[in-house]
């Protein structure tokens, strides 16, 4: 099957030089002027069997190859506690996790507000292991997709992601695995989820639920951050019997109400967890000498891991180079790096081959480290 074949449910849409799922790739900083995604090349489909113009996506059903009915992924555990003990090694949930998980397992909608590191991911990972079918996780950050999927696979859970780092052959293999009931958790970006072909494919795959991470992007500034977040109301239209669960660490009461309204959630459970994190210390200081201030923090924590966040890609490169010049192990992470470099640098950080990662917020704050 040729690349971007109309029969490929994960064909890259829309077409862009920037990675499809990469947050902030087109953020219009002053020194990085935004450029519109290039249009598809004329005649790209010439000579392809059953080819159609790219503008005709989603592809008419008559042009797709017939597929056998999808096989739902079987339940792996009878109860959430059984899954928690076998996969994660814990004997009890903490805080509101049990109430949230019970809501997901029962098939109800939910809006969950928890701090970063509060255990949000467990609230959709565990129910996916208990319910029949494949749990769909909508995540805006490639780094978080890789981090969670790698950890799940290491724990023996059949998990996968579909994003711009995969080859067409890898995307097709993932689609085949979902159809055959081999995948319990599938991670997608909002842009890829909203593509017509993906929704058609998921309608055949019978997802067990949708979990939307960083759900605050739906409200207030969400239309600036990820326009496709505001389009996910289509989930309740296309899958009225499938539960939708929204997770965020940043949402006022007005934003939570907006999430419920925008997505058309039905009688959702709304839970707000505690944000008291006694293990964290917050300090805000006026910037004077950037590198001197950064090095003073790094030097206070020798041989410890840390993340230095920067607003711009150019700052990431400058700060990373300065840290290396000062004798520290540091690697960059931002949307301008090739996919393989980002993956290699993230893996090096997770596996302690480097102590410091210097990144834009594309790296995310939920990396399990």
Protein backbone atom coordinates (compact mmCIF):
# COMPACT_ATOMS: atom_id res chain seq x y z
CA UNK A 1 0.00 0.00 0.00
CA UNK A 2 1.62 3.32 -1.00
CA UNK A 3 2.27 6.08 1.53
CA UNK A 4 -0.87 8.15 2.23
CA UNK A 5 -3.00 5.58 0.40
CA UNK A 6 -6.70 6.46 0.84
CA UNK A 7 -7.29 3.03 2.34
CA UNK A 8 -4.83 3.73 5.17
CA UNK A 9 -6.91 4.83 8.21
CA UNK A 10 -3.90 6.64 9.61
CA UNK A 11 -2.82 8.53 6.49
CA UNK A 12 -1.18 11.82 7.47
CA UNK A 13 -3.84 14.53 7.56
CA UNK A 14 -3.43 17.43 7.24
CA UNK A 15 -0.22 17.57 5.22
CA UNK A 16 2.40 19.74 6.82
CA UNK A 17 6.16 20.09 7.07
CA UNK A 18 5.68 20.25 10.82
CA UNK A 19 4.98 16.96 12.65
CA UNK A 20 1.23 16.48 12.68
CA UNK A 21 0.95 15.88 16.40
CA UNK A 22 3.66 18.21 17.60
CA UNK A 23 2.47 20.98 19.93
CA UNK A 24 3.90 24.43 19.46
CA UNK A 25 5.45 23.43 16.13
CA UNK A 26 3.81 26.44 14.50
CA UNK A 27 3.74 28.80 17.48
CA UNK A 28 4.34 32.27 15.98
CA UNK A 29 7.35 33.51 17.90
CA UNK A 30 8.96 36.67 16.62
CA UNK A 31 12.04 34.87 15.36
CA UNK A 32 10.13 31.87 14.03
CA UNK A 33 7.49 33.27 11.66
CA UNK A 34 4.58 30.94 11.14
CA UNK A 35 4.26 29.46 7.68
CA UNK A 36 1.05 27.89 6.46
CA UNK A 37 1.16 24.16 5.82
CA UNK A 38 1.93 23.52 2.15
CA UNK A 39 -0.94 22.22 0.00
CA UNK A 40 -0.81 18.67 -1.34
CA UNK A 41 1.24 18.36 -4.49
CA UNK A 42 -0.70 18.23 -7.74
CA UNK A 43 -0.93 14.76 -9.22
CA UNK A 44 0.46 13.06 -6.11
CA UNK A 45 -1.99 10.23 -6.61
CA UNK A 46 -1.34 9.72 -10.34
CA UNK A 47 -0.94 6.04 -11.10
CA UNK A 48 -1.98 4.81 -7.64
CA UNK A 49 -4.56 1.98 -7.74
CA UNK A 50 -7.98 3.33 -6.80
CA UNK A 51 -6.44 6.76 -6.31
CA UNK A 52 -8.59 9.80 -5.62
CA UNK A 53 -7.71 13.49 -5.17
CA UNK A 54 -6.53 14.28 -1.66
CA UNK A 55 -9.25 16.88 -1.31
CA UNK A 56 -11.86 14.11 -1.33
CA UNK A 57 -10.93 12.78 2.12
CA UNK A 58 -12.47 11.08 3.98
CA UNK A 59 -12.40 8.48 1.26
CA UNK A 60 -15.83 7.25 0.13
CA UNK A 61 -16.61 3.84 1.58
CA UNK A 62 -17.00 2.41 -1.92
CA UNK A 63 -13.28 2.98 -2.57
CA UNK A 64 -12.06 1.29 0.61
CA UNK A 65 -11.03 -2.33 0.72
CA UNK A 66 -13.61 -4.38 2.64
CA UNK A 67 -12.52 -5.27 6.17
CA UNK A 68 -13.61 -8.09 8.43
CA UNK A 69 -15.50 -6.96 11.56
CA UNK A 70 -13.09 -5.84 14.27
CA UNK A 71 -12.51 -8.13 17.23
CA UNK A 72 -12.78 -6.27 20.57
CA UNK A 73 -9.79 -6.63 22.86
CA UNK A 74 -10.81 -8.92 25.74
CA UNK A 75 -10.93 -7.85 29.37
CA UNK A 76 -7.71 -8.82 31.14
CA UNK A 77 -8.80 -8.51 34.78
CA UNK A 78 -12.10 -8.97 36.63
CA UNK A 79 -11.70 -5.91 38.89
CA UNK A 80 -9.70 -2.67 39.01
CA UNK A 81 -7.88 -3.83 42.16
CA UNK A 82 -6.79 -7.01 40.42
CA UNK A 83 -5.36 -4.96 37.54
CA UNK A 84 -3.68 -2.54 39.96
CA UNK A 85 -1.94 -5.34 41.85
CA UNK A 86 -0.89 -7.41 38.83
CA UNK A 87 0.34 -4.62 36.55
CA UNK A 88 1.38 -1.79 38.86
CA UNK A 89 2.25 -3.64 42.08
CA UNK A 90 -0.02 -1.63 44.40
CA UNK A 91 -2.75 -2.96 46.68
CA UNK A 92 -4.87 0.19 47.01
CA UNK A 93 -5.83 3.31 45.10
CA UNK A 94 -5.18 6.76 46.53
CA UNK A 95 -7.33 9.85 46.81
CA UNK A 96 -10.19 9.97 44.31
CA UNK A 97 -8.71 7.35 41.97
CA UNK A 98 -11.15 4.59 43.01
CA UNK A 99 -14.23 6.79 42.44
CA UNK A 100 -12.97 7.93 39.03
CA UNK A 101 -12.06 4.40 37.93
CA UNK A 102 -15.46 3.08 39.05
CA UNK A 103 -17.12 5.77 36.89
CA UNK A 104 -15.02 4.80 33.86
CA UNK A 105 -15.63 1.07 34.32
CA UNK A 106 -19.38 1.73 34.69
CA UNK A 107 -19.39 3.62 31.37
CA UNK A 108 -20.20 7.12 32.65
CA UNK A 109 -18.68 10.45 31.59
CA UNK A 110 -16.29 12.34 33.87
CA UNK A 111 -14.25 15.54 34.28
CA UNK A 112 -11.22 15.06 36.52
CA UNK A 113 -8.99 17.80 37.89
CA UNK A 114 -5.78 16.49 39.44
CA UNK A 115 -2.28 17.93 39.85
CA UNK A 116 0.58 16.76 37.65
CA UNK A 117 1.89 13.58 39.22
CA UNK A 118 -1.42 12.95 40.99
CA UNK A 119 -2.13 9.68 39.20
CA UNK A 120 -4.45 10.75 36.37
CA UNK A 121 -3.09 8.23 33.89
CA UNK A 122 -3.94 5.34 36.20
CA UNK A 123 -7.58 6.46 36.08
CA UNK A 124 -7.87 5.49 32.42
CA UNK A 125 -5.20 2.81 32.16
CA UNK A 126 -6.71 0.53 34.78
CA UNK A 127 -10.29 0.66 33.36
CA UNK A 128 -8.93 -0.19 29.91
CA UNK A 129 -7.60 -3.44 31.37
CA UNK A 130 -10.93 -4.27 33.00
CA UNK A 131 -13.34 -3.31 30.21
CA UNK A 132 -13.66 -5.16 26.93
CA UNK A 133 -12.36 -3.28 23.90
CA UNK A 134 -9.65 -0.69 23.31
CA UNK A 135 -9.40 2.47 25.40
CA UNK A 136 -8.65 5.56 23.28
CA UNK A 137 -6.42 8.19 24.90
CA UNK A 138 -6.25 11.65 23.29
CA UNK A 139 -2.93 13.29 24.13
CA UNK A 140 -1.39 16.46 22.67
CA UNK A 141 2.22 15.61 23.45
CA UNK A 142 4.33 13.06 21.59
CA UNK A 143 6.76 12.84 24.52
CA UNK A 144 3.96 11.80 26.89
CA UNK A 145 2.61 9.26 24.41
CA UNK A 146 6.03 7.63 24.13
CA UNK A 147 6.60 7.73 27.88
CA UNK A 148 3.30 6.11 28.82
CA UNK A 149 3.24 3.53 26.03
CA UNK A 150 6.83 2.46 26.72
CA UNK A 151 6.02 2.02 30.43
CA UNK A 152 2.84 0.06 29.67
CA UNK A 153 4.58 -2.24 27.21
CA UNK A 154 7.35 -2.86 29.74
CA UNK A 155 4.63 -3.84 32.24
CA UNK A 156 3.13 -6.32 29.79
CA UNK A 157 0.19 -4.19 28.61
CA UNK A 158 -0.64 -4.13 24.90
CA UNK A 159 -0.47 -0.38 24.23
CA UNK A 160 0.32 1.62 21.11
CA UNK A 161 0.36 5.16 19.74
CA UNK A 162 -0.19 6.63 16.32
CA UNK A 163 1.65 9.87 15.62
CA UNK A 164 3.99 11.48 13.12
CA UNK A 165 7.00 9.48 14.33
CA UNK A 166 5.63 6.25 12.83
CA UNK A 167 6.18 5.05 9.31
CA UNK A 168 3.16 4.19 7.12
CA UNK A 169 3.95 0.49 7.62
CA UNK A 170 3.96 0.95 11.41
CA UNK A 171 0.64 2.79 11.30
CA UNK A 172 -0.90 0.02 9.22
CA UNK A 173 0.40 -2.61 11.63
CA UNK A 174 -1.13 -0.72 14.56
CA UNK A 175 -4.45 -0.54 12.70
CA UNK A 176 -4.33 -4.29 12.09
CA UNK A 177 -3.55 -4.92 15.76
CA UNK A 178 -6.52 -2.79 16.85
CA UNK A 179 -8.84 -4.60 14.42
CA UNK A 180 -7.72 -7.97 15.71
CA UNK A 181 -8.25 -7.06 19.38
CA UNK A 182 -4.58 -7.00 20.35
CA UNK A 183 -4.41 -3.41 21.66
CA UNK A 184 -5.88 -2.41 25.04
CA UNK A 185 -4.80 1.26 24.97
CA UNK A 186 -4.32 3.40 21.86
CA UNK A 187 -2.90 6.94 22.07
CA UNK A 188 -3.77 9.52 19.40
CA UNK A 189 -3.42 13.29 19.00
CA UNK A 190 -6.62 15.36 18.71
CA UNK A 191 -5.79 16.28 15.11
CA UNK A 192 -5.41 12.66 14.08
CA UNK A 193 -8.50 11.60 16.01
CA UNK A 194 -10.68 14.17 14.23
CA UNK A 195 -9.58 13.06 10.77
CA UNK A 196 -12.56 11.52 9.00
CA UNK A 197 -10.74 8.30 8.20
CA UNK A 198 -9.72 7.76 11.81
CA UNK A 199 -13.28 8.26 13.08
CA UNK A 200 -14.59 5.83 10.47
CA UNK A 201 -11.96 3.31 11.50
CA UNK A 202 -12.78 3.70 15.20
CA UNK A 203 -16.48 3.21 14.48
CA UNK A 204 -15.53 -0.27 13.29
CA UNK A 205 -13.16 -0.85 16.23
CA UNK A 206 -15.79 -0.20 18.96
CA UNK A 207 -13.67 1.75 21.50
CA UNK A 208 -14.43 1.08 25.16
CA UNK A 209 -14.07 4.78 26.13
CA UNK A 210 -12.32 8.03 25.21
CA UNK A 211 -9.92 9.65 27.68
CA UNK A 212 -8.97 13.24 26.82
CA UNK A 213 -5.77 14.48 28.45
CA UNK A 214 -5.02 18.20 28.86
CA UNK A 215 -8.76 18.81 28.53
CA UNK A 216 -8.44 22.47 29.56
CA UNK A 217 -7.41 23.07 25.94
CA UNK A 218 -11.11 22.78 25.08
CA UNK A 219 -11.92 25.96 26.97
CA UNK A 220 -10.66 29.56 27.23
CA UNK A 221 -7.31 29.45 25.42
CA UNK A 222 -7.90 26.01 23.95
CA UNK A 223 -8.82 27.44 20.54
CA UNK A 224 -5.32 28.94 20.41
CA UNK A 225 -3.46 25.88 21.67
CA UNK A 226 -5.22 23.08 19.81
CA UNK A 227 -8.16 23.97 17.57
CA UNK A 228 -9.05 20.29 17.21
CA UNK A 229 -9.81 20.06 20.92
CA UNK A 230 -12.88 22.19 20.32
CA UNK A 231 -13.96 19.83 17.54
CA UNK A 232 -14.08 16.76 19.75
CA UNK A 233 -17.77 17.21 20.45
CA UNK A 234 -18.09 14.95 17.42
CA UNK A 235 -17.17 12.05 19.73
CA UNK A 236 -20.56 12.18 21.43
CA UNK A 237 -22.24 12.55 18.05
CA UNK A 238 -20.44 9.62 16.43
CA UNK A 239 -20.22 7.46 19.58
CA UNK A 240 -23.25 8.38 21.73
CA UNK A 241 -23.01 5.21 23.85
CA UNK A 242 -19.26 5.53 24.52
CA UNK A 243 -18.09 7.34 27.64
CA UNK A 244 -15.82 10.40 27.42
CA UNK A 245 -13.48 11.24 30.29
CA UNK A 246 -11.57 14.51 30.55
CA UNK A 247 -8.39 14.97 32.58
CA UNK A 248 -6.53 18.16 33.38
CA UNK A 249 -4.41 19.82 36.03
CA UNK A 250 -5.58 23.31 35.05
CA UNK A 251 -9.26 24.19 35.09
CA UNK A 252 -11.34 26.71 37.02
CA UNK A 253 -14.99 25.98 37.74
CA UNK A 254 -15.97 28.00 34.67
CA UNK A 255 -13.55 26.01 32.52
CA UNK A 256 -14.89 22.71 33.87
CA UNK A 257 -18.44 23.78 33.02
CA UNK A 258 -17.25 24.79 29.57
CA UNK A 259 -15.66 21.36 29.02
CA UNK A 260 -18.93 19.63 29.90
CA UNK A 261 -20.90 21.90 27.57
CA UNK A 262 -18.44 21.85 24.65
CA UNK A 263 -18.14 18.06 24.59
CA UNK A 264 -21.80 17.35 25.30
CA UNK A 265 -21.01 15.16 28.32
CA UNK A 266 -23.99 13.41 29.88
CA UNK A 267 -24.41 13.71 33.66
CA UNK A 268 -20.64 13.55 34.22
CA UNK A 269 -18.87 12.89 37.47
CA UNK A 270 -16.83 16.03 38.26
CA UNK A 271 -13.99 15.50 40.72
CA UNK A 272 -11.46 18.08 41.89
CA UNK A 273 -8.45 16.60 43.64
CA UNK A 274 -6.17 18.23 46.17
CA UNK A 275 -3.29 20.30 44.82
CA UNK A 276 -1.25 20.21 48.00
CA UNK A 277 2.14 18.78 46.99
CA UNK A 278 4.32 18.85 50.12
CA UNK A 279 7.22 17.32 48.17
CA UNK A 280 7.42 20.30 45.79
CA UNK A 281 8.91 23.74 46.39
CA UNK A 282 7.93 26.69 44.18
CA UNK A 283 10.12 29.76 43.80
CA UNK A 284 9.67 32.70 41.45
CA UNK A 285 12.64 34.99 40.93
CA UNK A 286 13.19 38.00 38.72
CA UNK A 287 15.55 37.18 35.88
CA UNK A 288 18.91 38.94 36.01
CA UNK A 289 21.73 36.72 34.67
CA UNK A 290 19.97 33.75 33.06
CA UNK A 291 22.80 31.22 32.95
CA UNK A 292 24.18 32.21 36.33
CA UNK A 293 20.76 31.62 37.87
CA UNK A 294 20.24 28.31 36.07
CA UNK A 295 23.68 27.05 37.01
CA UNK A 296 23.14 28.00 40.65
CA UNK A 297 20.11 25.67 40.75
CA UNK A 298 21.81 22.87 38.83
CA UNK A 299 24.92 23.06 40.97
CA UNK A 300 22.82 22.66 44.13
CA UNK A 301 21.62 19.29 42.83
CA UNK A 302 24.73 17.44 41.59
CA UNK A 303 24.07 14.12 39.83
CA UNK A 304 20.32 14.66 40.05
CA UNK A 305 17.83 14.76 37.18
CA UNK A 306 16.09 17.94 36.13
CA UNK A 307 14.22 19.70 33.36
CA UNK A 308 14.97 23.27 32.26
CA UNK A 309 12.01 24.73 30.39
CA UNK A 310 12.42 27.51 27.82
CA UNK A 311 9.89 29.44 25.75
CA UNK A 312 11.73 29.29 22.44
CA UNK A 313 13.64 26.64 20.55
CA UNK A 314 16.61 28.98 20.15
CA UNK A 315 16.74 29.39 23.95
CA UNK A 316 16.70 25.61 24.36
CA UNK A 317 19.76 25.26 22.15
CA UNK A 318 21.61 28.14 23.83
CA UNK A 319 20.92 26.99 27.39
CA UNK A 320 21.75 23.37 26.58
CA UNK A 321 25.07 24.35 25.00
CA UNK A 322 25.94 26.51 27.99
CA UNK A 323 25.19 23.69 30.43
CA UNK A 324 27.36 21.27 28.47
CA UNK A 325 30.16 23.84 28.33
CA UNK A 326 29.91 24.13 32.12
CA UNK A 327 30.47 20.38 32.46
CA UNK A 328 26.91 19.14 32.86
CA UNK A 329 25.19 16.30 31.00
CA UNK A 330 22.36 17.96 29.04
CA UNK A 331 20.33 17.31 25.89
CA UNK A 332 17.75 19.44 24.04
CA UNK A 333 14.11 18.66 23.24
CA UNK A 334 11.88 20.82 21.05
CA UNK A 335 9.64 20.64 17.98
CA UNK A 336 12.40 21.63 15.58
CA UNK A 337 14.46 18.50 16.19
CA UNK A 338 14.08 15.45 13.94
CA UNK A 339 11.77 12.78 15.37
CA UNK A 340 14.62 10.34 15.92
CA UNK A 341 16.65 12.94 17.85
CA UNK A 342 13.76 13.79 20.14
CA UNK A 343 13.03 10.13 20.82
CA UNK A 344 16.72 9.40 21.48
CA UNK A 345 17.08 12.38 23.84
CA UNK A 346 13.90 11.52 25.73
CA UNK A 347 15.02 7.89 26.14
CA UNK A 348 18.43 9.06 27.34
CA UNK A 349 16.79 11.22 30.01
CA UNK A 350 14.35 8.53 31.15
CA UNK A 351 17.10 5.91 31.35
CA UNK A 352 19.61 8.17 33.17
CA UNK A 353 22.05 8.42 30.29
CA UNK A 354 21.78 12.18 30.69
CA UNK A 355 20.86 14.13 33.80
CA UNK A 356 19.31 17.27 32.33
CA UNK A 357 16.85 17.83 29.53
CA UNK A 358 16.42 21.40 28.23
CA UNK A 359 13.06 21.69 26.52
CA UNK A 360 10.12 23.72 25.37
CA UNK A 361 6.79 22.81 26.94
CA UNK A 362 6.38 20.31 24.09
CA UNK A 363 8.21 17.96 26.46
CA UNK A 364 5.31 18.00 28.90
CA UNK A 365 5.40 17.94 32.68
CA UNK A 366 3.93 14.46 33.15
CA UNK A 367 7.00 12.48 32.10
CA UNK A 368 7.41 9.62 34.58
CA UNK A 369 10.92 10.17 35.88
